[in-house]
């Protein structure tokens, strides 16, 4: 009995070097549009172990569940502030 393996999906982030230039341009334009239109969420990929570690910290702080996004956003906000970046400013 042979087992068929489902082809592994490789995200765009990891496969960027193998993406055709025109496709890469289209993807970059999509992200630029999202940023310029000030969308609240942009899909982001992170290693599962990293998300698990953040989830454990969020649970200890009582920020698990629906508040997890606020927890992660707070971490990113603190980092950007330390870098001197005012992300709340409207794009030019």
N, C-alpha and C. Protein backbone atom coordinates (compact mmCIF):
# COMPACT_ATOMS: atom_id res chain seq x y z
N UNK A 1 0.85 -1.18 0.00
CA UNK A 1 0.00 0.00 0.00
C UNK A 1 0.89 1.24 0.00
N UNK A 2 0.71 2.05 -0.98
CA UNK A 2 1.52 3.26 -1.06
C UNK A 2 0.73 4.43 -0.50
N UNK A 3 1.45 5.33 0.11
CA UNK A 3 0.80 6.53 0.64
C UNK A 3 1.18 7.70 -0.24
N UNK A 4 0.17 8.43 -0.66
CA UNK A 4 0.42 9.61 -1.47
C UNK A 4 0.67 10.78 -0.54
N UNK A 5 1.70 11.50 -0.82
CA UNK A 5 1.99 12.68 -0.02
C UNK A 5 1.40 13.89 -0.72
N UNK A 6 0.73 14.69 0.05
CA UNK A 6 0.18 15.93 -0.48
C UNK A 6 1.35 16.86 -0.76
N UNK A 7 1.36 17.49 -1.94
CA UNK A 7 2.47 18.42 -2.21
C UNK A 7 2.50 19.54 -1.18
N UNK A 8 3.67 19.81 -0.69
CA UNK A 8 3.82 20.83 0.33
C UNK A 8 3.65 22.21 -0.28
N UNK A 9 2.78 22.99 0.33
CA UNK A 9 2.57 24.36 -0.12
C UNK A 9 3.73 25.21 0.40
N UNK A 10 4.30 25.98 -0.46
CA UNK A 10 5.38 26.88 -0.07
C UNK A 10 4.85 28.29 -0.17
N UNK A 11 4.92 29.02 0.92
CA UNK A 11 4.36 30.37 0.92
C UNK A 11 5.16 31.28 0.00
N UNK A 12 4.52 32.39 -0.38
CA UNK A 12 5.18 33.36 -1.24
C UNK A 12 6.40 33.97 -0.59
N UNK A 13 6.37 34.08 0.74
CA UNK A 13 7.49 34.67 1.44
C UNK A 13 8.74 33.81 1.29
N UNK A 14 8.57 32.51 1.41
CA UNK A 14 9.72 31.62 1.30
C UNK A 14 10.15 31.41 -0.15
N UNK A 15 9.20 31.49 -1.07
CA UNK A 15 9.48 31.20 -2.47
C UNK A 15 9.77 32.46 -3.29
N UNK A 16 10.01 33.56 -2.64
CA UNK A 16 10.20 34.83 -3.35
C UNK A 16 11.27 34.73 -4.43
N UNK A 17 12.38 34.06 -4.13
CA UNK A 17 13.47 33.98 -5.11
C UNK A 17 13.05 33.19 -6.35
N UNK A 18 12.06 32.30 -6.21
CA UNK A 18 11.63 31.47 -7.34
C UNK A 18 10.44 32.07 -8.07
N UNK A 19 9.93 33.19 -7.60
CA UNK A 19 8.77 33.82 -8.23
C UNK A 19 9.20 34.59 -9.47
N UNK A 20 8.39 34.47 -10.50
CA UNK A 20 8.68 35.20 -11.74
C UNK A 20 8.62 36.70 -11.47
N UNK A 21 9.45 37.48 -12.13
CA UNK A 21 9.50 38.93 -11.88
C UNK A 21 8.14 39.62 -12.00
N UNK A 22 7.34 39.25 -13.02
CA UNK A 22 6.04 39.91 -13.18
C UNK A 22 5.09 39.55 -12.04
N UNK A 23 5.16 38.30 -11.58
CA UNK A 23 4.33 37.88 -10.45
C UNK A 23 4.78 38.58 -9.17
N UNK A 24 6.09 38.67 -8.97
CA UNK A 24 6.64 39.34 -7.79
C UNK A 24 6.21 40.80 -7.78
N UNK A 25 6.23 41.45 -8.95
CA UNK A 25 5.82 42.85 -9.05
C UNK A 25 4.35 42.99 -8.67
N UNK A 26 3.51 42.07 -9.14
CA UNK A 26 2.09 42.12 -8.83
C UNK A 26 1.85 41.96 -7.32
N UNK A 27 2.59 41.05 -6.69
CA UNK A 27 2.46 40.84 -5.25
C UNK A 27 2.89 42.08 -4.48
N UNK A 28 4.04 42.65 -4.87
CA UNK A 28 4.53 43.86 -4.19
C UNK A 28 3.55 45.02 -4.35
N UNK A 29 2.93 45.14 -5.53
CA UNK A 29 1.94 46.20 -5.75
C UNK A 29 0.72 46.00 -4.86
N UNK A 30 0.33 44.73 -4.66
CA UNK A 30 -0.81 44.42 -3.79
C UNK A 30 -0.51 44.89 -2.37
N UNK A 31 0.69 44.57 -1.85
CA UNK A 31 1.06 45.01 -0.50
C UNK A 31 1.15 46.52 -0.41
N UNK A 32 1.73 47.16 -1.42
CA UNK A 32 1.82 48.63 -1.42
C UNK A 32 0.44 49.26 -1.37
N UNK A 33 -0.49 48.70 -2.13
CA UNK A 33 -1.86 49.22 -2.14
C UNK A 33 -2.49 49.09 -0.75
N UNK A 34 -2.28 47.95 -0.12
CA UNK A 34 -2.84 47.73 1.22
C UNK A 34 -2.29 48.76 2.21
N UNK A 35 -1.01 49.02 2.15
CA UNK A 35 -0.40 49.97 3.06
C UNK A 35 -0.90 51.37 2.78
N UNK A 36 -0.93 51.77 1.51
CA UNK A 36 -1.37 53.11 1.16
C UNK A 36 -2.83 53.36 1.52
N UNK A 37 -3.66 52.32 1.43
CA UNK A 37 -5.07 52.46 1.77
C UNK A 37 -5.30 52.32 3.28
N UNK A 38 -4.19 52.15 4.02
CA UNK A 38 -4.25 52.08 5.48
C UNK A 38 -5.15 50.96 5.99
N UNK A 39 -5.04 49.80 5.37
CA UNK A 39 -5.79 48.65 5.84
C UNK A 39 -5.27 48.24 7.20
N UNK A 40 -6.17 47.78 8.06
CA UNK A 40 -5.78 47.40 9.41
C UNK A 40 -4.97 46.11 9.42
N UNK A 41 -5.32 45.18 8.58
CA UNK A 41 -4.62 43.89 8.64
C UNK A 41 -4.02 43.54 7.29
N UNK A 42 -2.84 42.99 7.34
CA UNK A 42 -2.16 42.45 6.19
C UNK A 42 -1.70 41.06 6.61
N UNK A 43 -1.98 40.04 5.80
CA UNK A 43 -1.58 38.69 6.22
C UNK A 43 -0.06 38.61 6.41
N UNK A 44 0.33 38.02 7.51
CA UNK A 44 1.74 37.87 7.83
C UNK A 44 1.99 36.42 8.21
N UNK A 45 3.10 35.89 7.77
CA UNK A 45 3.46 34.53 8.13
C UNK A 45 4.58 34.58 9.15
N UNK A 46 4.45 33.72 10.15
CA UNK A 46 5.48 33.61 11.18
C UNK A 46 5.66 32.13 11.48
N UNK A 47 6.85 31.72 11.88
CA UNK A 47 7.06 30.32 12.23
C UNK A 47 6.09 29.88 13.34
N UNK A 48 5.59 28.67 13.22
CA UNK A 48 4.64 28.13 14.20
C UNK A 48 5.17 28.17 15.62
N UNK A 49 6.44 27.87 15.81
CA UNK A 49 7.02 27.88 17.16
C UNK A 49 7.02 29.29 17.74
N UNK A 50 7.18 30.29 16.88
CA UNK A 50 7.16 31.67 17.34
C UNK A 50 5.75 32.03 17.81
N UNK A 51 4.74 31.65 17.02
CA UNK A 51 3.35 31.93 17.39
C UNK A 51 2.99 31.19 18.68
N UNK A 52 3.47 29.96 18.82
CA UNK A 52 3.22 29.19 20.04
C UNK A 52 3.81 29.89 21.25
N UNK A 53 5.05 30.38 21.14
CA UNK A 53 5.69 31.08 22.25
C UNK A 53 4.93 32.35 22.59
N UNK A 54 4.49 33.09 21.57
CA UNK A 54 3.71 34.31 21.82
C UNK A 54 2.37 33.95 22.47
N UNK A 55 1.77 32.86 22.03
CA UNK A 55 0.51 32.41 22.62
C UNK A 55 0.64 32.09 24.08
N UNK A 56 1.75 31.45 24.46
CA UNK A 56 1.98 31.12 25.87
C UNK A 56 2.14 32.39 26.70
N UNK A 57 2.86 33.37 26.18
CA UNK A 57 3.03 34.64 26.89
C UNK A 57 1.68 35.35 27.01
N UNK A 58 0.91 35.33 25.92
CA UNK A 58 -0.40 35.99 25.93
C UNK A 58 -1.32 35.35 26.97
N UNK A 59 -1.27 34.02 27.08
CA UNK A 59 -2.09 33.34 28.09
C UNK A 59 -1.72 33.78 29.49
N UNK A 60 -0.42 33.87 29.75
CA UNK A 60 0.04 34.28 31.08
C UNK A 60 -0.40 35.70 31.41
N UNK A 61 -0.51 36.54 30.37
CA UNK A 61 -0.91 37.94 30.57
C UNK A 61 -2.42 38.13 30.44
N UNK A 62 -3.16 37.05 30.21
CA UNK A 62 -4.60 37.15 30.06
C UNK A 62 -5.02 37.76 28.74
N UNK A 63 -4.18 37.63 27.73
CA UNK A 63 -4.47 38.25 26.43
C UNK A 63 -4.73 37.20 25.36
N UNK A 64 -5.08 35.98 25.76
CA UNK A 64 -5.32 34.92 24.78
C UNK A 64 -6.69 35.10 24.14
N UNK A 65 -6.95 34.30 23.12
CA UNK A 65 -8.24 34.36 22.43
C UNK A 65 -8.34 35.57 21.54
N UNK A 66 -9.50 36.24 21.56
CA UNK A 66 -9.71 37.37 20.66
C UNK A 66 -8.74 38.53 20.90
N UNK A 67 -8.17 38.61 22.09
CA UNK A 67 -7.26 39.71 22.41
C UNK A 67 -5.83 39.44 21.96
N UNK A 68 -5.58 38.25 21.39
CA UNK A 68 -4.23 37.89 20.95
C UNK A 68 -3.71 38.86 19.90
N UNK A 69 -4.56 39.27 18.96
CA UNK A 69 -4.14 40.23 17.93
C UNK A 69 -3.70 41.55 18.56
N UNK A 70 -4.43 41.99 19.59
CA UNK A 70 -4.04 43.23 20.29
C UNK A 70 -2.68 43.05 20.96
N UNK A 71 -2.44 41.86 21.51
CA UNK A 71 -1.17 41.56 22.16
C UNK A 71 -0.02 41.67 21.16
N UNK A 72 -0.18 41.03 20.00
CA UNK A 72 0.87 41.05 18.97
C UNK A 72 1.05 42.47 18.44
N UNK A 73 -0.06 43.18 18.22
CA UNK A 73 0.02 44.56 17.75
C UNK A 73 0.78 45.43 18.75
N UNK A 74 0.58 45.19 20.03
CA UNK A 74 1.30 45.93 21.06
C UNK A 74 2.81 45.69 20.99
N UNK A 75 3.19 44.46 20.75
CA UNK A 75 4.61 44.12 20.62
C UNK A 75 5.22 44.87 19.42
N UNK A 76 4.51 44.84 18.30
CA UNK A 76 5.01 45.53 17.10
C UNK A 76 5.06 47.03 17.31
N UNK A 77 4.06 47.58 17.99
CA UNK A 77 4.02 49.01 18.28
C UNK A 77 5.24 49.43 19.11
N UNK A 78 5.53 48.66 20.16
CA UNK A 78 6.70 48.97 21.01
C UNK A 78 7.99 48.93 20.20
N UNK A 79 8.12 47.93 19.35
CA UNK A 79 9.33 47.80 18.54
C UNK A 79 9.50 49.00 17.62
N UNK A 80 8.42 49.37 16.93
CA UNK A 80 8.50 50.50 16.00
C UNK A 80 8.80 51.80 16.73
N UNK A 81 8.23 51.99 17.91
CA UNK A 81 8.53 53.19 18.70
C UNK A 81 10.01 53.25 19.06
N UNK A 82 10.59 52.10 19.44
CA UNK A 82 12.02 52.06 19.77
C UNK A 82 12.88 52.38 18.55
N UNK A 83 12.36 52.09 17.36
CA UNK A 83 13.09 52.39 16.13
C UNK A 83 12.86 53.83 15.67
N UNK A 84 12.01 54.57 16.39
CA UNK A 84 11.73 55.95 16.03
C UNK A 84 10.75 56.09 14.88
N UNK A 85 9.92 55.07 14.68
CA UNK A 85 8.96 55.08 13.57
C UNK A 85 7.56 55.36 14.11
N UNK A 86 6.93 56.39 13.55
CA UNK A 86 5.56 56.72 13.93
C UNK A 86 4.63 56.09 12.89
N UNK A 87 4.21 54.87 13.14
CA UNK A 87 3.40 54.14 12.17
C UNK A 87 1.98 54.68 12.07
N UNK A 88 1.56 55.50 13.02
CA UNK A 88 0.20 56.04 12.99
C UNK A 88 0.07 57.21 12.01
N UNK A 89 1.22 57.78 11.61
CA UNK A 89 1.21 58.90 10.68
C UNK A 89 0.68 58.45 9.32
N UNK A 90 -0.14 59.28 8.71
CA UNK A 90 -0.71 58.95 7.40
C UNK A 90 0.40 58.89 6.34
N UNK A 91 0.35 57.88 5.45
CA UNK A 91 1.37 57.83 4.39
C UNK A 91 1.25 59.03 3.46
N UNK A 92 2.38 59.43 2.94
CA UNK A 92 2.41 60.62 2.05
C UNK A 92 2.00 60.25 0.66
